[in-house]
């Protein structure tokens, strides 16, 4: 019998991968990973720049609101009855809406009263608190000190509180409402409020 003498055919050899092909595949994979990483870096950089620009814009807006609130308060609380007309234009330059209308309407009466009492006053801003800015509107609380002189003598106040509402008009912040927050002292029978409203006299 020849069955035991016949050798089984050899198994086919396993395919051999060329080193060059392996190298090319590795390079292709690395290139793909680098491309993905590069795109991710670009996207993150754009996001970071946008966030930085948004923060800078918000900070700039907050500083402008603070500046306008401080300047308007100083102009509103400071006057000399001998040159009372000089105070009107600087206040109106920072005013808009309801506050501008009320101030223009009330100015003749304020002028007559201040001249009659020979009033002179200096207001100095001590602190400003700006709330979150919502688009084209903002609110600020201003604490100011006031020194007032007139026919009735001299009075001082270290903590007059004002609430200012601001709106953005033509890219610039303006004050469109001023509210006197010194209600508690008036209710308690303390000294009259020296903070202005649109219908009362600053310092009176």
Protein backbone atom coordinates (compact mmCIF):
# COMPACT_ATOMS: atom_id res chain seq x y z
CA UNK A 1 0.00 0.00 0.00
CA UNK A 2 1.22 3.44 -0.75
CA UNK A 3 -1.15 5.41 1.51
CA UNK A 4 1.37 5.75 4.29
CA UNK A 5 4.18 6.74 1.94
CA UNK A 6 2.37 9.71 0.33
CA UNK A 7 3.21 13.05 1.94
CA UNK A 8 0.44 15.53 2.60
CA UNK A 9 0.68 18.68 0.50
CA UNK A 10 2.30 21.67 2.24
CA UNK A 11 -0.07 24.34 3.68
CA UNK A 12 0.04 27.60 1.72
CA UNK A 13 2.38 30.15 3.17
CA UNK A 14 0.77 33.10 5.12
CA UNK A 15 0.83 36.34 3.14
CA UNK A 16 3.80 38.45 3.98
CA UNK A 17 3.12 42.20 4.43
CA UNK A 18 5.69 44.36 2.80
CA UNK A 19 7.56 46.67 5.21
CA UNK A 20 6.96 49.48 2.75
CA UNK A 21 3.18 48.92 2.84
CA UNK A 22 3.21 48.85 6.65
CA UNK A 23 5.15 52.07 6.76
CA UNK A 24 2.74 53.74 4.36
CA UNK A 25 -0.28 52.65 6.42
CA UNK A 26 1.32 54.02 9.59
CA UNK A 27 2.13 57.31 7.91
CA UNK A 28 -1.44 57.57 6.60
CA UNK A 29 -2.88 56.92 10.08
CA UNK A 30 -0.59 59.48 11.68
CA UNK A 31 -1.47 62.01 9.00
CA UNK A 32 -5.18 61.47 9.66
CA UNK A 33 -4.69 61.91 13.40
CA UNK A 34 -2.65 65.06 12.86
CA UNK A 35 -5.35 66.47 10.58
CA UNK A 36 -8.06 65.78 13.18
CA UNK A 37 -5.90 67.32 15.92
CA UNK A 38 -5.15 70.36 13.76
CA UNK A 39 -8.84 70.94 13.05
CA UNK A 40 -9.65 70.57 16.76
CA UNK A 41 -6.98 73.12 17.66
CA UNK A 42 -8.39 75.59 15.13
CA UNK A 43 -11.94 75.15 16.42
CA UNK A 44 -10.87 75.58 20.05
CA UNK A 45 -8.82 78.63 19.12
CA UNK A 46 -11.81 80.23 17.41
CA UNK A 47 -14.02 79.50 20.43
CA UNK A 48 -11.40 80.93 22.78
CA UNK A 49 -11.02 84.09 20.68
CA UNK A 50 -14.80 84.57 20.51
CA UNK A 51 -15.13 84.12 24.27
CA UNK A 52 -12.26 86.55 24.89
CA UNK A 53 -13.80 89.12 22.54
CA UNK A 54 -17.19 88.71 24.25
CA UNK A 55 -15.61 89.23 27.68
CA UNK A 56 -13.67 92.25 26.46
CA UNK A 57 -16.81 93.72 24.91
CA UNK A 58 -18.80 93.14 28.11
CA UNK A 59 -16.02 94.67 30.23
CA UNK A 60 -15.80 97.67 27.92
CA UNK A 61 -19.57 98.17 28.11
CA UNK A 62 -19.48 97.93 31.91
CA UNK A 63 -16.70 100.53 32.10
CA UNK A 64 -18.64 102.86 29.80
CA UNK A 65 -21.78 102.46 31.93
CA UNK A 66 -19.74 103.22 35.06
CA UNK A 67 -18.19 106.30 33.44
CA UNK A 68 -21.53 107.70 32.27
CA UNK A 69 -23.24 107.00 35.60
CA UNK A 70 -20.40 108.66 37.51
CA UNK A 71 -20.23 111.68 35.24
CA UNK A 72 -23.99 112.24 35.14
CA UNK A 73 -24.25 111.98 38.93
CA UNK A 74 -21.41 114.45 39.43
CA UNK A 75 -22.93 116.93 36.98
CA UNK A 76 -26.41 116.56 38.44
CA UNK A 77 -25.31 117.00 42.05
CA UNK A 78 -22.87 119.86 41.45
CA UNK A 79 -23.94 123.42 40.69
CA UNK A 80 -23.45 127.06 41.55
CA UNK A 81 -26.56 129.22 41.52
CA UNK A 82 -24.50 132.14 40.20
CA UNK A 83 -23.78 130.11 37.05
CA UNK A 84 -26.74 127.77 37.04
CA UNK A 85 -27.26 127.93 33.27
CA UNK A 86 -23.84 126.35 32.79
CA UNK A 87 -25.06 123.11 34.38
CA UNK A 88 -27.91 122.40 31.96
CA UNK A 89 -26.10 121.44 28.76
CA UNK A 90 -23.59 119.05 30.42
CA UNK A 91 -26.44 117.13 32.09
CA UNK A 92 -28.51 116.96 28.90
CA UNK A 93 -25.48 115.67 26.98
CA UNK A 94 -25.73 112.44 28.99
CA UNK A 95 -29.53 112.29 29.18
CA UNK A 96 -32.17 110.52 27.11
CA UNK A 97 -35.84 109.59 27.18
CA UNK A 98 -37.88 110.29 30.30
CA UNK A 99 -35.04 111.81 32.31
CA UNK A 100 -34.13 114.27 29.56
CA UNK A 101 -37.75 115.36 29.14
CA UNK A 102 -38.31 115.74 32.89
CA UNK A 103 -35.06 117.63 33.42
CA UNK A 104 -35.75 120.11 30.60
CA UNK A 105 -39.29 120.67 31.86
CA UNK A 106 -38.21 121.14 35.49
CA UNK A 107 -35.11 123.25 34.87
CA UNK A 108 -36.78 126.70 34.89
CA UNK A 109 -38.36 126.02 38.30
CA UNK A 110 -35.12 124.54 39.64
CA UNK A 111 -33.19 127.55 38.43
CA UNK A 112 -35.55 130.00 40.13
CA UNK A 113 -35.41 128.13 43.44
CA UNK A 114 -31.64 127.64 43.44
CA UNK A 115 -30.94 131.27 42.54
CA UNK A 116 -33.40 132.42 45.21
CA UNK A 117 -31.69 130.35 47.90
CA UNK A 118 -28.17 131.16 46.65
CA UNK A 119 -27.44 127.46 46.58
CA UNK A 120 -24.07 125.98 45.81
CA UNK A 121 -23.44 122.25 45.89
CA UNK A 122 -20.68 119.75 45.20
CA UNK A 123 -21.37 116.06 44.63
CA UNK A 124 -18.67 113.41 44.58
CA UNK A 125 -19.19 109.79 43.58
CA UNK A 126 -17.98 107.31 46.19
CA UNK A 127 -19.04 103.95 44.74
CA UNK A 128 -20.84 102.56 41.71
CA UNK A 129 -22.52 99.16 41.37
CA UNK A 130 -23.49 98.12 37.84
CA UNK A 131 -26.02 95.32 37.40
CA UNK A 132 -25.80 92.87 34.52
CA UNK A 133 -26.08 94.61 31.18
CA UNK A 134 -28.97 93.35 29.07
CA UNK A 135 -28.43 94.30 25.46
CA UNK A 136 -28.97 98.04 25.20
CA UNK A 137 -30.10 98.65 28.77
CA UNK A 138 -28.32 98.73 32.11
CA UNK A 139 -28.83 99.82 35.71
CA UNK A 140 -26.42 101.31 38.21
CA UNK A 141 -26.55 102.21 41.88
CA UNK A 142 -24.44 105.23 42.74
CA UNK A 143 -23.40 106.30 46.24
CA UNK A 144 -22.32 109.93 46.44
CA UNK A 145 -21.29 112.45 49.07
CA UNK A 146 -22.82 115.92 48.96
CA UNK A 147 -21.81 119.29 50.39
CA UNK A 148 -24.52 121.95 50.12
CA UNK A 149 -24.51 125.61 51.09
CA UNK A 150 -27.21 128.25 50.82
CA UNK A 151 -29.21 130.80 52.78
CA UNK A 152 -30.09 128.09 55.27
CA UNK A 153 -26.46 127.31 56.03
CA UNK A 154 -24.29 124.36 55.17
CA UNK A 155 -25.27 120.70 55.14
CA UNK A 156 -23.30 117.58 54.26
CA UNK A 157 -24.27 114.06 53.43
CA UNK A 158 -21.86 111.16 52.89
CA UNK A 159 -24.26 108.59 51.49
CA UNK A 160 -26.82 109.77 48.96
CA UNK A 161 -28.09 106.78 46.96
CA UNK A 162 -29.23 107.06 43.35
CA UNK A 163 -30.48 104.42 40.95
CA UNK A 164 -29.75 105.19 37.33
CA UNK A 165 -31.31 103.46 34.34
CA UNK A 166 -29.27 103.67 31.15
CA UNK A 167 -29.95 102.94 27.51
CA UNK A 168 -27.62 102.74 24.53
CA UNK A 169 -28.48 105.38 21.96
CA UNK A 170 -26.49 105.48 18.73
CA UNK A 171 -23.78 103.35 20.32
CA UNK A 172 -23.42 105.63 23.35
CA UNK A 173 -24.80 105.07 26.85
CA UNK A 174 -27.28 107.67 28.13
CA UNK A 175 -29.25 107.99 31.35
CA UNK A 176 -33.01 107.81 30.85
CA UNK A 177 -34.16 107.66 34.47
CA UNK A 178 -32.85 108.75 37.88
CA UNK A 179 -34.47 107.58 41.11
CA UNK A 180 -33.81 108.73 44.67
CA UNK A 181 -33.26 105.70 46.92
CA UNK A 182 -33.06 107.65 50.20
CA UNK A 183 -36.61 106.76 51.22
CA UNK A 184 -35.80 105.18 54.59
CA UNK A 185 -34.30 108.31 56.09
CA UNK A 186 -37.17 110.49 54.91
CA UNK A 187 -39.68 108.00 56.33
CA UNK A 188 -37.81 107.95 59.63
CA UNK A 189 -37.94 111.73 59.93
CA UNK A 190 -34.28 112.26 59.10
CA UNK A 191 -32.80 115.04 57.06
CA UNK A 192 -34.40 115.68 53.68
CA UNK A 193 -32.96 113.75 50.81
CA UNK A 194 -30.12 115.51 49.05
CA UNK A 195 -30.27 113.17 46.09
CA UNK A 196 -32.10 114.40 43.03
CA UNK A 197 -35.07 113.06 41.22
CA UNK A 198 -36.46 114.44 38.02
CA UNK A 199 -38.90 116.64 39.92
CA UNK A 200 -36.99 117.70 43.06
CA UNK A 201 -34.05 119.97 43.66
CA UNK A 202 -30.65 118.36 44.26
CA UNK A 203 -29.50 119.04 47.77
CA UNK A 204 -32.85 120.32 49.00
